[in-house]
C-alpha cells in the first residue's frame, strides 16, 4: 500500500527557518514585489568557478536586486569587485531561511540546482524557477519544471553564462511567458496548500497511515 504525503515542508515547516541571522527577511521587506532573484544551490551542489563568475556577471548586468546564498569559501571565484559594485542592490550571505525567503512577496524568481526540496519550496512560494541541474534527479525534475508544469526555464544550455543568465531573468521577470509561468506556479501553490489542509489528501493519507501503524 502506498500513501502520498506532502509537501511536508508546508505541513511542518522547519523550526530553523524561523532564524534569520543575516537579516534576509528585513532586506526583502525593503524590495518591490516580485522583483528579487533568489540564488541558492543547496548544500551539495556548487557551480564550477567559471559558471559562478558568469552568473555573477549576469546578475550585475541585469540591474535587478538579488539575494544569493553562497558559501564563504567559494566567494573567491566571484569577479573582482563584484560584491562592492552590487552592494546597494545585492545581498550575498552564507545561509538563508529558504522557506521563508521563497514565501516572501519580494522574490520574483528562484535560481536553483533543481533539487526536489528547493523546487517544492519554490512552488509553495509561488515563485518561477531558473534551473541549472547538476546530478541525480536534477535533470528529471528540471524536465518537469520546464516541459510538464511549465513553471521555469533552463539556464541557457544547461550551464551558466552571462548572456544566458540575462536571457533567463528577462523571460521570467519581464516577458509574457514569465507571467504565464507565475500563474501556473501559483495554481500549483494552491493545490499544495489544499493538500495539507483539514480536508486535504495529505491530511487524510497521514491519518490512514497513523491508523495502519497503530493497528499493528
Protein backbone atom coordinates (compact mmCIF):
# COMPACT_ATOMS: atom_id res chain seq x y z
CA UNK A 1 0.00 0.00 0.00
CA UNK A 2 1.30 3.47 -0.88
CA UNK A 3 0.04 6.71 0.65
CA UNK A 4 1.25 10.07 -0.65
CA UNK A 5 2.27 12.67 1.93
CA UNK A 6 3.44 16.16 1.16
CA UNK A 7 4.62 18.77 0.71
CA UNK A 8 5.98 18.10 4.18
CA UNK A 9 7.78 21.46 4.38
CA UNK A 10 4.40 23.15 4.24
CA UNK A 11 2.78 20.66 6.58
CA UNK A 12 5.56 21.03 9.16
CA UNK A 13 7.97 23.91 8.43
CA UNK A 14 11.47 23.57 9.84
CA UNK A 15 11.99 25.43 13.10
CA UNK A 16 15.42 26.50 11.85
CA UNK A 17 13.72 28.57 9.15
CA UNK A 18 12.50 30.90 11.90
CA UNK A 19 16.11 32.03 12.35
CA UNK A 20 17.47 34.79 10.14
CA UNK A 21 20.97 35.65 11.39
CA UNK A 22 21.92 37.62 8.25
CA UNK A 23 18.80 39.78 8.08
CA UNK A 24 17.48 38.40 4.79
CA UNK A 25 13.81 38.95 5.57
CA UNK A 26 14.10 42.61 6.63
CA UNK A 27 16.17 43.20 3.49
CA UNK A 28 13.43 41.63 1.38
CA UNK A 29 10.87 43.83 3.12
CA UNK A 30 12.59 46.84 1.55
CA UNK A 31 12.31 45.48 -2.01
CA UNK A 32 9.48 45.77 -4.54
CA UNK A 33 7.04 42.93 -5.10
CA UNK A 34 8.30 40.04 -7.28
CA UNK A 35 11.50 41.93 -8.12
CA UNK A 36 14.26 39.92 -6.43
CA UNK A 37 16.24 36.99 -7.84
CA UNK A 38 16.96 34.45 -5.11
CA UNK A 39 20.01 32.28 -5.85
CA UNK A 40 20.83 29.09 -3.99
CA UNK A 41 22.22 25.65 -4.90
CA UNK A 42 21.51 23.73 -1.73
CA UNK A 43 24.09 22.05 0.46
CA UNK A 44 25.74 19.71 -2.06
CA UNK A 45 25.75 21.40 -5.47
CA UNK A 46 28.09 24.25 -6.38
CA UNK A 47 28.63 25.54 -9.93
CA UNK A 48 32.24 25.40 -11.16
CA UNK A 49 34.27 28.61 -10.80
CA UNK A 50 33.77 29.87 -14.36
CA UNK A 51 29.98 29.43 -14.03
CA UNK A 52 29.89 31.24 -10.70
CA UNK A 53 31.69 34.14 -12.35
CA UNK A 54 29.33 34.10 -15.35
CA UNK A 55 26.27 34.01 -13.11
CA UNK A 56 27.61 36.94 -11.10
CA UNK A 57 28.29 38.89 -14.31
CA UNK A 58 24.74 38.24 -15.48
CA UNK A 59 23.23 39.33 -12.19
CA UNK A 60 25.33 42.50 -12.20
CA UNK A 61 24.46 43.35 -15.80
CA UNK A 62 20.75 42.72 -15.25
CA UNK A 63 20.42 45.54 -12.73
CA UNK A 64 17.89 43.57 -10.68
CA UNK A 65 18.12 43.10 -6.90
CA UNK A 66 19.30 39.68 -5.77
CA UNK A 67 19.74 37.59 -2.64
CA UNK A 68 22.45 34.95 -3.02
CA UNK A 69 23.07 32.13 -0.56
CA UNK A 70 26.74 31.41 -1.20
CA UNK A 71 29.32 29.65 0.94
CA UNK A 72 32.13 31.94 2.07
CA UNK A 73 34.81 29.57 0.72
CA UNK A 74 33.67 29.98 -2.89
CA UNK A 75 33.33 33.77 -2.91
CA UNK A 76 36.91 33.86 -4.18
CA UNK A 77 35.55 32.82 -7.60
CA UNK A 78 33.34 35.88 -7.95
CA UNK A 79 34.57 38.63 -10.30
CA UNK A 80 36.88 41.12 -8.65
CA UNK A 81 34.89 43.99 -7.15
CA UNK A 82 31.52 42.28 -7.74
CA UNK A 83 30.43 42.40 -4.10
CA UNK A 84 31.34 46.07 -3.75
CA UNK A 85 29.73 47.14 -7.04
CA UNK A 86 26.45 45.37 -6.29
CA UNK A 87 26.26 46.03 -2.55
CA UNK A 88 23.38 48.52 -2.85
CA UNK A 89 21.04 46.09 -4.60
CA UNK A 90 22.53 42.68 -3.83
CA UNK A 91 22.92 40.65 -0.66
CA UNK A 92 25.31 37.69 -0.51
CA UNK A 93 25.14 35.57 2.64
CA UNK A 94 26.33 32.08 3.64
CA UNK A 95 22.85 30.90 4.72
CA UNK A 96 19.20 31.91 4.35
CA UNK A 97 15.90 30.77 5.87
CA UNK A 98 14.98 29.48 2.41
CA UNK A 99 11.38 28.51 3.00
CA UNK A 100 10.62 31.97 4.41
CA UNK A 101 12.59 33.66 1.64
CA UNK A 102 10.72 31.89 -1.14
CA UNK A 103 7.43 32.65 0.59
CA UNK A 104 8.24 36.39 0.59
CA UNK A 105 6.34 38.57 -1.85
CA UNK A 106 9.52 40.37 -2.98
CA UNK A 107 11.04 37.24 -4.54
CA UNK A 108 10.31 37.03 -8.26
CA UNK A 109 12.48 34.11 -9.37
CA UNK A 110 14.38 31.22 -7.81
CA UNK A 111 17.75 30.34 -9.39
CA UNK A 112 18.40 26.78 -8.26
CA UNK A 113 20.03 23.40 -8.91
CA UNK A 114 16.55 21.86 -9.20
CA UNK A 115 16.73 19.69 -6.09
CA UNK A 116 13.34 18.36 -5.03
CA UNK A 117 13.11 20.30 -1.75
CA UNK A 118 14.07 23.57 -3.43
CA UNK A 119 11.53 23.06 -6.21
CA UNK A 120 8.78 22.22 -3.73
CA UNK A 121 9.59 25.31 -1.66
CA UNK A 122 9.59 27.43 -4.82
CA UNK A 123 6.15 26.07 -5.75
CA UNK A 124 4.86 26.68 -2.25
CA UNK A 125 6.02 30.28 -2.51
CA UNK A 126 4.53 30.72 -5.99
CA UNK A 127 7.97 31.55 -7.44
CA UNK A 128 9.06 30.63 -11.02
CA UNK A 129 12.38 28.88 -11.49
CA UNK A 130 15.64 29.20 -13.41
CA UNK A 131 17.47 25.90 -13.03
CA UNK A 132 20.95 24.57 -13.64
CA UNK A 133 20.88 20.80 -12.91
CA UNK A 134 24.00 19.02 -11.64
CA UNK A 135 23.43 15.34 -10.83
CA UNK A 136 20.98 12.68 -9.65
CA UNK A 137 17.33 13.61 -10.11
CA UNK A 138 18.04 17.25 -11.01
CA UNK A 139 17.66 16.64 -14.74
CA UNK A 140 14.37 14.77 -14.38
CA UNK A 141 12.93 17.39 -12.03
CA UNK A 142 14.11 20.11 -14.43
CA UNK A 143 12.18 18.42 -17.22
CA UNK A 144 9.03 18.63 -15.12
CA UNK A 145 9.71 22.28 -14.26
CA UNK A 146 10.21 23.39 -17.87
CA UNK A 147 8.22 20.97 -20.03
CA UNK A 148 5.45 19.46 -17.88
CA UNK A 149 4.48 22.08 -15.30
CA UNK A 150 5.89 24.98 -17.37
CA UNK A 151 6.92 26.99 -14.32
CA UNK A 152 10.56 27.69 -15.20
CA UNK A 153 13.40 27.68 -17.71
CA UNK A 154 16.80 26.06 -18.01
CA UNK A 155 19.80 28.33 -17.52
CA UNK A 156 20.84 28.77 -21.13
CA UNK A 157 22.18 25.47 -22.47
CA UNK A 158 22.28 23.87 -19.04
CA UNK A 159 25.25 25.87 -17.78
CA UNK A 160 25.54 29.44 -16.60
CA UNK A 161 26.78 32.10 -18.98
CA UNK A 162 26.44 35.85 -18.67
CA UNK A 163 24.06 36.15 -21.63
CA UNK A 164 22.14 33.00 -20.71
CA UNK A 165 21.55 34.40 -17.22
CA UNK A 166 20.37 37.72 -18.63
CA UNK A 167 18.02 35.99 -21.08
CA UNK A 168 16.52 33.70 -18.42
CA UNK A 169 15.97 36.57 -15.98
CA UNK A 170 14.29 38.64 -18.69
CA UNK A 171 11.95 35.78 -19.60
CA UNK A 172 10.83 35.23 -16.02
CA UNK A 173 10.65 38.82 -14.82
CA UNK A 174 9.76 40.82 -17.94
CA UNK A 175 8.15 38.66 -20.64
CA UNK A 176 4.59 37.43 -21.10
CA UNK A 177 5.94 33.89 -20.92
CA UNK A 178 7.20 34.59 -17.42
CA UNK A 179 3.81 35.98 -16.42
CA UNK A 180 2.16 32.74 -17.53
CA UNK A 181 4.74 30.74 -15.57
CA UNK A 182 3.89 32.76 -12.47
CA UNK A 183 0.20 31.99 -12.95
CA UNK A 184 0.91 28.27 -13.33
CA UNK A 185 3.16 28.06 -10.28
CA UNK A 186 0.54 29.98 -8.28
CA UNK A 187 -2.04 27.36 -9.28
CA UNK A 188 0.30 24.59 -8.09
CA UNK A 189 0.84 26.52 -4.85
CA UNK A 190 -2.90 26.48 -4.17
CA UNK A 191 -3.05 22.73 -4.85
CA UNK A 192 -0.19 22.17 -2.39
CA UNK A 193 -1.90 24.26 0.29
CA UNK A 194 -5.16 22.39 -0.15
CA UNK A 195 -3.30 19.07 0.17
CA UNK A 196 -2.17 19.88 3.73
CA UNK A 197 -5.47 21.46 4.76
CA UNK A 198 -8.00 19.81 7.12
CA UNK A 199 -9.70 18.01 4.22
CA UNK A 200 -6.63 17.68 2.01
CA UNK A 201 -5.12 14.50 0.61
CA UNK A 202 -2.01 14.70 2.78
CA UNK A 203 -4.07 15.06 5.95
CA UNK A 204 -6.33 12.14 5.01
CA UNK A 205 -3.40 9.95 3.94
CA UNK A 206 -1.48 10.72 7.12
CA UNK A 207 -4.49 9.69 9.20
CA UNK A 208 -4.69 6.49 7.18
CA UNK A 209 -1.01 5.81 7.80
CA UNK A 210 -1.47 6.50 11.51
CA UNK A 211 -4.33 4.01 11.66
CA UNK A 212 -2.23 1.35 9.95
CA UNK A 213 0.75 1.86 12.27
CA UNK A 214 -1.27 1.95 15.49
CA UNK A 215 -3.34 -1.07 14.43
CA UNK A 216 -0.16 -3.13 14.16
